[in-house]
């Protein structure tokens, strides 16, 4: 019996060493050598302090900022250690109720917007951490942000256009706006006076 178990155990140990140790270390090392910023989490620093990541959404609730997608993470919004969607079916009443609440909250905060509310402002992403919104979602918030910061609408429309990231390789995905980067650009150009 030991004779039959020996090759199985050797294969188990070799594959564990290869796939559990060697491969992850090699991929991590290559990523850190070739893409050090991305491998470190695409962190964004301001005044020498990390304030977020390009890859993770954050909560912005003040009227002078663009708001991102709602978060569906457990315990607290935008909790990176609890990434995951709500797992509610499109027919779930609780999902419909939460979307209806978000639509009402959007309408209350943006009374000048009478068109359809962009879906990405009232529905969470699959991870619950999406840092991007569509250009339409950003444009739907321009009036509120402009009024709060006392900035001309045209200037904010231009900023949203400048911050819009195109399709990957010009083909894949849809154009998006990174909310954290957009809000940082806002603070840089038109800081909120306290």
Protein backbone atom coordinates (compact mmCIF):
# COMPACT_ATOMS: atom_id res chain seq x y z
CA UNK A 1 0.00 0.00 0.00
CA UNK A 2 2.83 2.42 0.80
CA UNK A 3 4.24 1.66 -2.63
CA UNK A 4 1.00 2.92 -4.25
CA UNK A 5 0.68 5.98 -1.98
CA UNK A 6 4.24 7.20 -2.51
CA UNK A 7 3.77 8.47 -6.13
CA UNK A 8 0.46 10.10 -5.18
CA UNK A 9 2.05 11.97 -2.27
CA UNK A 10 5.05 13.01 -4.38
CA UNK A 11 2.75 14.38 -7.10
CA UNK A 12 0.65 16.16 -4.46
CA UNK A 13 3.74 17.82 -2.97
CA UNK A 14 5.21 18.76 -6.35
CA UNK A 15 1.94 20.25 -7.63
CA UNK A 16 1.37 22.07 -4.34
CA UNK A 17 4.86 23.56 -4.55
CA UNK A 18 4.38 24.54 -8.21
CA UNK A 19 0.83 25.87 -8.15
CA UNK A 20 0.68 27.01 -4.54
CA UNK A 21 4.12 28.60 -4.18
CA UNK A 22 6.23 28.91 -7.34
CA UNK A 23 3.50 30.15 -9.69
CA UNK A 24 2.03 32.81 -7.34
CA UNK A 25 5.51 34.09 -6.44
CA UNK A 26 6.52 34.23 -10.12
CA UNK A 27 3.35 36.06 -11.17
CA UNK A 28 3.59 38.50 -8.24
CA UNK A 29 7.28 39.13 -8.93
CA UNK A 30 6.65 39.71 -12.65
CA UNK A 31 3.73 42.04 -11.90
CA UNK A 32 5.79 44.06 -9.43
CA UNK A 33 8.69 44.30 -11.87
CA UNK A 34 6.63 45.20 -14.95
CA UNK A 35 3.70 47.11 -13.41
CA UNK A 36 4.78 48.27 -9.93
CA UNK A 37 2.04 50.91 -9.48
CA UNK A 38 -0.76 48.60 -10.56
CA UNK A 39 0.61 45.68 -8.52
CA UNK A 40 0.59 47.92 -5.45
CA UNK A 41 -3.13 48.62 -5.90
CA UNK A 42 -3.12 51.71 -8.18
CA UNK A 43 -3.07 53.90 -5.10
CA UNK A 44 -3.74 57.62 -5.36
CA UNK A 45 -1.75 59.89 -3.06
CA UNK A 46 -2.34 63.51 -2.14
CA UNK A 47 0.20 65.44 -0.08
CA UNK A 48 2.09 62.21 0.61
CA UNK A 49 -0.99 60.45 2.02
CA UNK A 50 -2.88 57.61 0.36
CA UNK A 51 -6.48 58.73 -0.17
CA UNK A 52 -7.79 55.86 -2.26
CA UNK A 53 -7.32 53.56 -5.20
CA UNK A 54 -8.28 53.95 -8.83
CA UNK A 55 -9.77 50.47 -8.57
CA UNK A 56 -12.13 50.92 -5.61
CA UNK A 57 -15.17 53.14 -5.30
CA UNK A 58 -15.61 55.51 -2.38
CA UNK A 59 -18.59 57.15 -0.79
CA UNK A 60 -19.24 60.77 -1.75
CA UNK A 61 -22.44 62.24 -0.36
CA UNK A 62 -21.88 66.01 -0.30
CA UNK A 63 -23.67 68.00 -3.03
CA UNK A 64 -20.38 69.49 -4.24
CA UNK A 65 -19.05 66.11 -5.36
CA UNK A 66 -19.97 63.63 -8.05
CA UNK A 67 -21.49 60.48 -6.59
CA UNK A 68 -20.48 57.00 -7.66
CA UNK A 69 -22.39 53.79 -7.93
CA UNK A 70 -24.13 52.53 -4.82
CA UNK A 71 -22.23 49.87 -2.91
CA UNK A 72 -23.66 46.47 -2.08
CA UNK A 73 -20.82 45.37 0.21
CA UNK A 74 -21.66 43.88 3.58
CA UNK A 75 -21.36 45.71 6.89
CA UNK A 76 -20.33 49.07 5.42
CA UNK A 77 -20.43 50.67 1.96
CA UNK A 78 -17.31 50.26 -0.19
CA UNK A 79 -15.81 47.69 2.17
CA UNK A 80 -13.06 46.12 0.05
CA UNK A 81 -12.77 43.12 2.35
CA UNK A 82 -16.45 42.25 1.75
CA UNK A 83 -16.63 42.65 -2.01
CA UNK A 84 -19.73 41.22 -3.58
CA UNK A 85 -23.07 42.10 -5.07
CA UNK A 86 -26.43 41.90 -3.39
CA UNK A 87 -27.26 38.63 -5.23
CA UNK A 88 -30.86 39.79 -5.52
CA UNK A 89 -32.84 38.65 -8.55
CA UNK A 90 -34.12 41.37 -10.90
CA UNK A 91 -37.62 40.41 -9.76
CA UNK A 92 -36.81 40.83 -6.03
CA UNK A 93 -39.09 43.33 -4.31
CA UNK A 94 -36.27 44.49 -2.01
CA UNK A 95 -34.13 45.33 -5.05
CA UNK A 96 -36.98 47.25 -6.69
CA UNK A 97 -37.62 49.10 -3.42
CA UNK A 98 -33.97 50.09 -2.96
CA UNK A 99 -33.73 51.27 -6.59
CA UNK A 100 -36.92 53.31 -6.14
CA UNK A 101 -35.46 54.88 -2.95
CA UNK A 102 -32.25 55.76 -4.79
CA UNK A 103 -34.20 57.30 -7.68
CA UNK A 104 -36.16 59.45 -5.21
CA UNK A 105 -32.95 60.48 -3.42
CA UNK A 106 -31.35 61.37 -6.77
CA UNK A 107 -34.41 63.44 -7.80
CA UNK A 108 -34.40 65.25 -4.45
CA UNK A 109 -30.68 66.08 -4.68
CA UNK A 110 -30.88 66.97 -8.40
CA UNK A 111 -34.23 68.76 -8.84
CA UNK A 112 -33.27 70.16 -12.24
CA UNK A 113 -32.79 66.70 -13.73
CA UNK A 114 -36.06 65.49 -15.23
CA UNK A 115 -34.74 62.85 -17.65
CA UNK A 116 -34.24 59.20 -16.86
CA UNK A 117 -31.87 58.50 -13.98
CA UNK A 118 -28.81 56.61 -15.29
CA UNK A 119 -28.94 53.01 -14.09
CA UNK A 120 -25.42 53.10 -12.69
CA UNK A 121 -26.47 55.75 -10.15
CA UNK A 122 -29.19 53.55 -8.65
CA UNK A 123 -27.83 50.00 -9.02
CA UNK A 124 -24.72 48.47 -7.48
CA UNK A 125 -22.06 46.74 -9.53
CA UNK A 126 -21.34 43.01 -9.20
CA UNK A 127 -18.41 43.70 -6.86
CA UNK A 128 -20.13 46.52 -4.99
CA UNK A 129 -16.88 48.48 -5.38
CA UNK A 130 -16.99 49.87 -8.93
CA UNK A 131 -15.04 53.17 -9.04
CA UNK A 132 -16.52 54.25 -12.38
CA UNK A 133 -19.75 55.76 -13.61
CA UNK A 134 -20.91 56.36 -17.15
CA UNK A 135 -20.42 59.80 -18.71
CA UNK A 136 -24.25 60.10 -18.69
CA UNK A 137 -24.26 59.53 -14.91
CA UNK A 138 -21.64 62.24 -14.45
CA UNK A 139 -23.51 64.65 -16.74
CA UNK A 140 -26.73 64.06 -14.78
CA UNK A 141 -24.98 65.48 -11.69
CA UNK A 142 -23.33 68.52 -13.29
CA UNK A 143 -26.08 71.01 -12.33
CA UNK A 144 -25.98 70.03 -8.65
CA UNK A 145 -22.19 70.13 -8.44
CA UNK A 146 -21.98 73.41 -10.38
CA UNK A 147 -24.54 75.08 -8.11
CA UNK A 148 -22.81 73.83 -4.96
CA UNK A 149 -19.36 74.97 -6.09
CA UNK A 150 -20.56 78.07 -7.96
CA UNK A 151 -18.91 76.96 -11.19
CA UNK A 152 -20.16 77.53 -14.73
CA UNK A 153 -21.98 74.52 -16.20
CA UNK A 154 -19.85 74.59 -19.36
CA UNK A 155 -16.65 74.32 -17.32
CA UNK A 156 -17.95 71.25 -15.48
CA UNK A 157 -19.18 69.65 -18.72
CA UNK A 158 -15.68 70.20 -20.13
CA UNK A 159 -14.09 68.64 -17.04
CA UNK A 160 -16.34 65.57 -17.28
CA UNK A 161 -15.40 65.26 -20.96
CA UNK A 162 -11.69 65.56 -20.16
CA UNK A 163 -11.95 62.94 -17.39
CA UNK A 164 -13.87 60.43 -19.52
CA UNK A 165 -11.81 57.34 -20.28
CA UNK A 166 -12.51 55.76 -23.67
CA UNK A 167 -12.97 52.12 -24.57
CA UNK A 168 -10.03 49.79 -23.94
CA UNK A 169 -8.06 49.54 -27.20
CA UNK A 170 -10.84 51.63 -28.74
CA UNK A 171 -13.06 48.52 -28.87
CA UNK A 172 -13.76 46.94 -25.49
CA UNK A 173 -16.24 48.16 -22.89
CA UNK A 174 -17.92 51.52 -22.66
CA UNK A 175 -16.50 54.97 -21.87
CA UNK A 176 -16.33 55.58 -18.11
CA UNK A 177 -15.45 58.29 -15.60
CA UNK A 178 -13.43 57.46 -12.47
CA UNK A 179 -15.35 59.22 -9.67
CA UNK A 180 -12.39 59.65 -7.30
CA UNK A 181 -10.18 61.15 -10.02
CA UNK A 182 -13.02 63.44 -11.15
CA UNK A 183 -13.62 64.67 -7.60
CA UNK A 184 -9.89 65.24 -7.05
CA UNK A 185 -9.77 67.30 -10.25
CA UNK A 186 -12.78 69.25 -8.96
CA UNK A 187 -11.04 70.01 -5.66
CA UNK A 188 -7.91 71.05 -7.48
CA UNK A 189 -9.69 73.47 -9.86
CA UNK A 190 -12.53 74.69 -7.65
CA UNK A 191 -11.92 73.87 -3.98
CA UNK A 192 -14.92 73.97 -1.65
CA UNK A 193 -14.65 77.02 0.53
CA UNK A 194 -15.19 76.27 4.20
